[in-house]
Amino acid sequence: MLLSPQLLCLLGLMALGTVHASPLAEEVKLDQGTVTCPLFWTSFNGLCYKYIPRPLSWNNAQMNCYETWSHPEFSCNLASVHSQEEHDFILSLVQKNDPAQGPTWIGLNDNFVEDAWMWSDGSSVRYTKWESGLQPAASSKNCVYTIISHPIGGQWDDYACSFAYPSVCVLRTN
């Protein structure tokens, strides 16, 4: 079977993460047992994760996750990290998809109340991996990224939300 140039282009754009196929109910079955994730997503601990290579501001990255992938049965946000294992998984996802291993947005922020850190999915902050081991001081840097290829390698830092970085989305059942 020969593929038309338009179909090949669309498949290539989907692989790069610039065009998305909407998740259909039969494509995504998230439960505590078996996880079947949409094409180009990776499962870990009952959830589906996707590295988004297109640099976006933190707010636009969150909106991209939510608007592109949310569905009545599923919600999608920037990734929240609740354990060392989940942190390591997200780092490996970044390493697989980004040869530069640069800054990558995750869902932690203090956009609403300074120093009141929260995840974009509303879950509690019980695990952190701050660069210095200490929560950052109050500043206008309200959004958090993780970075591998840097002296802080694999830890988190806060930065101005307006900067454009790649991101990691997570898909979960509502």
Protein backbone atom coordinates (compact mmCIF):
# COMPACT_ATOMS: atom_id res chain seq x y z
CA MET A 1 0.00 0.00 0.00
CA LEU A 2 1.33 3.42 -0.97
CA LEU A 3 0.77 6.38 1.31
CA SER A 4 -0.05 9.77 -0.12
CA PRO A 5 2.33 12.64 0.62
CA GLN A 6 -0.42 14.37 2.65
CA LEU A 7 -0.90 11.31 4.88
CA LEU A 8 2.85 10.94 5.37
CA CYS A 9 3.08 14.62 6.33
CA LEU A 10 0.21 14.28 8.83
CA LEU A 11 1.80 11.18 10.40
CA GLY A 12 5.11 13.02 10.65
CA LEU A 13 3.50 16.03 12.34
CA MET A 14 1.70 13.74 14.80
CA ALA A 15 5.00 12.08 15.67
CA LEU A 16 6.53 15.49 16.37
CA GLY A 17 3.63 16.41 18.63
CA THR A 18 2.52 19.39 16.55
CA VAL A 19 -0.74 17.78 15.38
CA HIS A 20 -2.79 15.60 17.69
CA ALA A 21 -5.34 12.92 17.11
CA SER A 22 -8.14 13.27 19.64
CA PRO A 23 -8.19 10.46 22.20
CA LEU A 24 -11.24 8.29 21.67
CA ALA A 25 -12.87 6.32 24.46
CA GLU A 26 -11.82 3.03 22.87
CA GLU A 27 -8.20 4.21 22.61
CA VAL A 28 -7.87 5.21 26.25
CA LYS A 29 -8.77 2.84 29.06
CA LEU A 30 -7.29 4.03 32.32
CA ASP A 31 -7.89 1.91 35.36
CA GLN A 32 -5.75 0.51 38.14
CA GLY A 33 -4.98 -2.60 36.10
CA THR A 34 -4.26 -2.46 32.39
CA VAL A 35 -3.49 0.89 30.79
CA THR A 36 -3.93 1.45 27.08
CA CYS A 37 -2.67 4.88 26.11
CA PRO A 38 -3.28 6.85 22.91
CA LEU A 39 -0.71 6.64 20.13
CA PHE A 40 2.60 8.35 21.06
CA TRP A 41 1.76 8.34 24.79
CA THR A 42 3.62 6.23 27.38
CA SER A 43 2.02 4.45 30.32
CA PHE A 44 3.43 4.49 33.85
CA ASN A 45 1.69 3.49 37.10
CA GLY A 46 -1.81 3.54 35.59
CA LEU A 47 -1.47 6.92 33.84
CA CYS A 48 -0.51 8.05 30.33
CA TYR A 49 2.27 10.60 29.74
CA LYS A 50 3.31 12.57 26.67
CA TYR A 51 6.35 14.74 26.07
CA ILE A 52 5.33 17.86 24.11
CA PRO A 53 8.40 19.16 22.24
CA ARG A 54 6.91 22.50 21.15
CA PRO A 55 8.15 25.29 23.44
CA LEU A 56 5.24 27.08 25.10
CA SER A 57 4.81 29.37 28.09
CA TRP A 58 3.71 27.46 31.22
CA ASN A 59 0.12 28.73 30.89
CA ASN A 60 -0.05 27.81 27.20
CA ALA A 61 1.50 24.41 27.91
CA GLN A 62 -1.18 23.74 30.54
CA MET A 63 -3.93 24.90 28.15
CA ASN A 64 -2.44 22.71 25.40
CA CYS A 65 -2.65 19.63 27.65
CA TYR A 66 -6.15 20.45 28.83
CA GLU A 67 -7.76 21.62 25.60
CA THR A 68 -6.14 19.09 23.28
CA TRP A 69 -6.56 15.94 25.33
CA SER A 70 -9.31 16.36 27.93
CA HIS A 71 -12.50 14.43 27.28
CA PRO A 72 -15.64 13.90 29.43
CA GLU A 73 -14.11 10.73 30.88
CA PHE A 74 -10.48 11.92 31.04
CA SER A 75 -8.58 15.00 32.13
CA CYS A 76 -5.17 16.11 31.01
CA ASN A 77 -2.81 18.54 32.76
CA LEU A 78 0.85 19.27 33.00
CA ALA A 79 2.44 16.41 34.91
CA SER A 80 2.24 16.31 38.68
CA VAL A 81 5.00 14.35 40.41
CA HIS A 82 4.24 12.39 43.58
CA SER A 83 7.26 10.09 44.02
CA GLN A 84 10.91 9.58 43.14
CA GLU A 85 9.82 6.81 40.74
CA GLU A 86 7.45 9.13 38.90
CA HIS A 87 10.15 11.82 38.80
CA ASP A 88 12.65 9.33 37.34
CA PHE A 89 10.08 8.18 34.77
CA ILE A 90 9.45 11.78 33.61
CA LEU A 91 13.21 12.40 33.34
CA SER A 92 13.57 9.26 31.20
CA LEU A 93 10.67 10.46 29.00
CA VAL A 94 12.47 13.79 28.51
CA GLN A 95 15.79 12.02 27.80
CA LYS A 96 14.14 9.83 25.15
CA ASN A 97 12.54 12.77 23.37
CA ASP A 98 14.95 15.68 23.81
CA PRO A 99 18.61 15.18 22.90
CA ALA A 100 19.44 18.54 24.53
CA GLN A 101 17.63 17.49 27.74
CA GLY A 102 16.78 21.11 28.46
CA PRO A 103 14.18 22.69 30.74
CA THR A 104 10.76 21.03 30.62
CA TRP A 105 7.61 22.39 32.29
CA ILE A 106 5.82 20.28 34.89
CA GLY A 107 2.55 21.24 36.61
CA LEU A 108 3.86 22.77 39.85
CA ASN A 109 3.17 26.48 40.32
CA ASP A 110 2.37 29.21 42.84
CA ASN A 111 0.44 31.40 40.39
CA PHE A 112 -2.45 32.09 42.77
CA VAL A 113 -0.75 32.61 46.14
CA GLU A 114 2.97 33.28 46.47
CA ASP A 115 4.78 30.32 48.08
CA ALA A 116 1.58 28.22 48.14
CA TRP A 117 2.79 25.62 45.63
CA MET A 118 0.13 23.51 43.93
CA TRP A 119 -0.16 21.08 41.03
CA SER A 120 -2.14 22.14 37.96
CA ASP A 121 -4.41 19.08 38.43
CA GLY A 122 -5.30 20.21 41.97
CA SER A 123 -3.50 17.34 43.72
CA SER A 124 -1.56 17.88 46.94
CA VAL A 125 2.18 18.58 46.93
CA ARG A 126 3.73 15.73 48.91
CA TYR A 127 6.95 15.27 46.94
CA THR A 128 9.42 17.86 45.65
CA LYS A 129 12.86 17.82 44.05
CA TRP A 130 13.96 21.44 44.46
CA GLU A 131 17.41 22.38 43.19
CA SER A 132 18.73 23.45 46.57
CA GLY A 133 16.66 20.96 48.52
CA LEU A 134 14.70 23.96 49.82
CA GLN A 135 11.56 25.57 48.48
CA PRO A 136 12.44 28.74 46.50
CA ALA A 137 12.05 32.14 48.13
CA ALA A 138 9.14 34.39 47.16
CA SER A 139 9.66 35.90 43.71
CA SER A 140 7.96 36.49 40.39
CA LYS A 141 9.13 33.03 39.30
CA ASN A 142 5.90 31.10 39.71
CA CYS A 143 6.21 28.04 37.45
CA VAL A 144 8.41 24.96 37.80
CA TYR A 145 10.55 23.10 35.30
CA THR A 146 12.81 20.10 35.54
CA ILE A 147 16.13 19.98 33.70
CA ILE A 148 18.64 17.21 33.12
CA SER A 149 21.61 18.81 31.30
CA HIS A 150 22.53 21.46 33.84
CA PRO A 151 24.40 21.63 37.14
CA ILE A 152 21.07 21.02 38.90
CA GLY A 153 20.57 17.92 36.70
CA GLY A 154 17.27 16.17 37.36
CA GLN A 155 16.04 18.65 39.92
CA TRP A 156 13.42 21.39 39.81
CA ASP A 157 13.64 25.14 39.70
CA ASP A 158 11.08 27.90 39.43
CA TYR A 159 11.13 30.39 36.61
CA ALA A 160 9.04 33.08 34.95
CA CYS A 161 5.94 31.41 33.48
CA SER A 162 6.27 33.44 30.27
CA PHE A 163 9.37 31.53 29.11
CA ALA A 164 8.70 28.93 26.41
CA TYR A 165 9.82 25.36 27.16
CA PRO A 166 8.70 21.87 26.14
CA SER A 167 6.38 20.13 28.62
CA VAL A 168 5.04 16.81 29.86
CA CYS A 169 1.28 16.13 29.97
CA VAL A 170 -0.45 13.39 31.98
CA LEU A 171 -3.83 11.87 31.15
CA ARG A 172 -6.03 10.45 33.94
CA THR A 173 -9.62 9.34 34.43
CA ASN A 174 -12.11 11.81 35.91
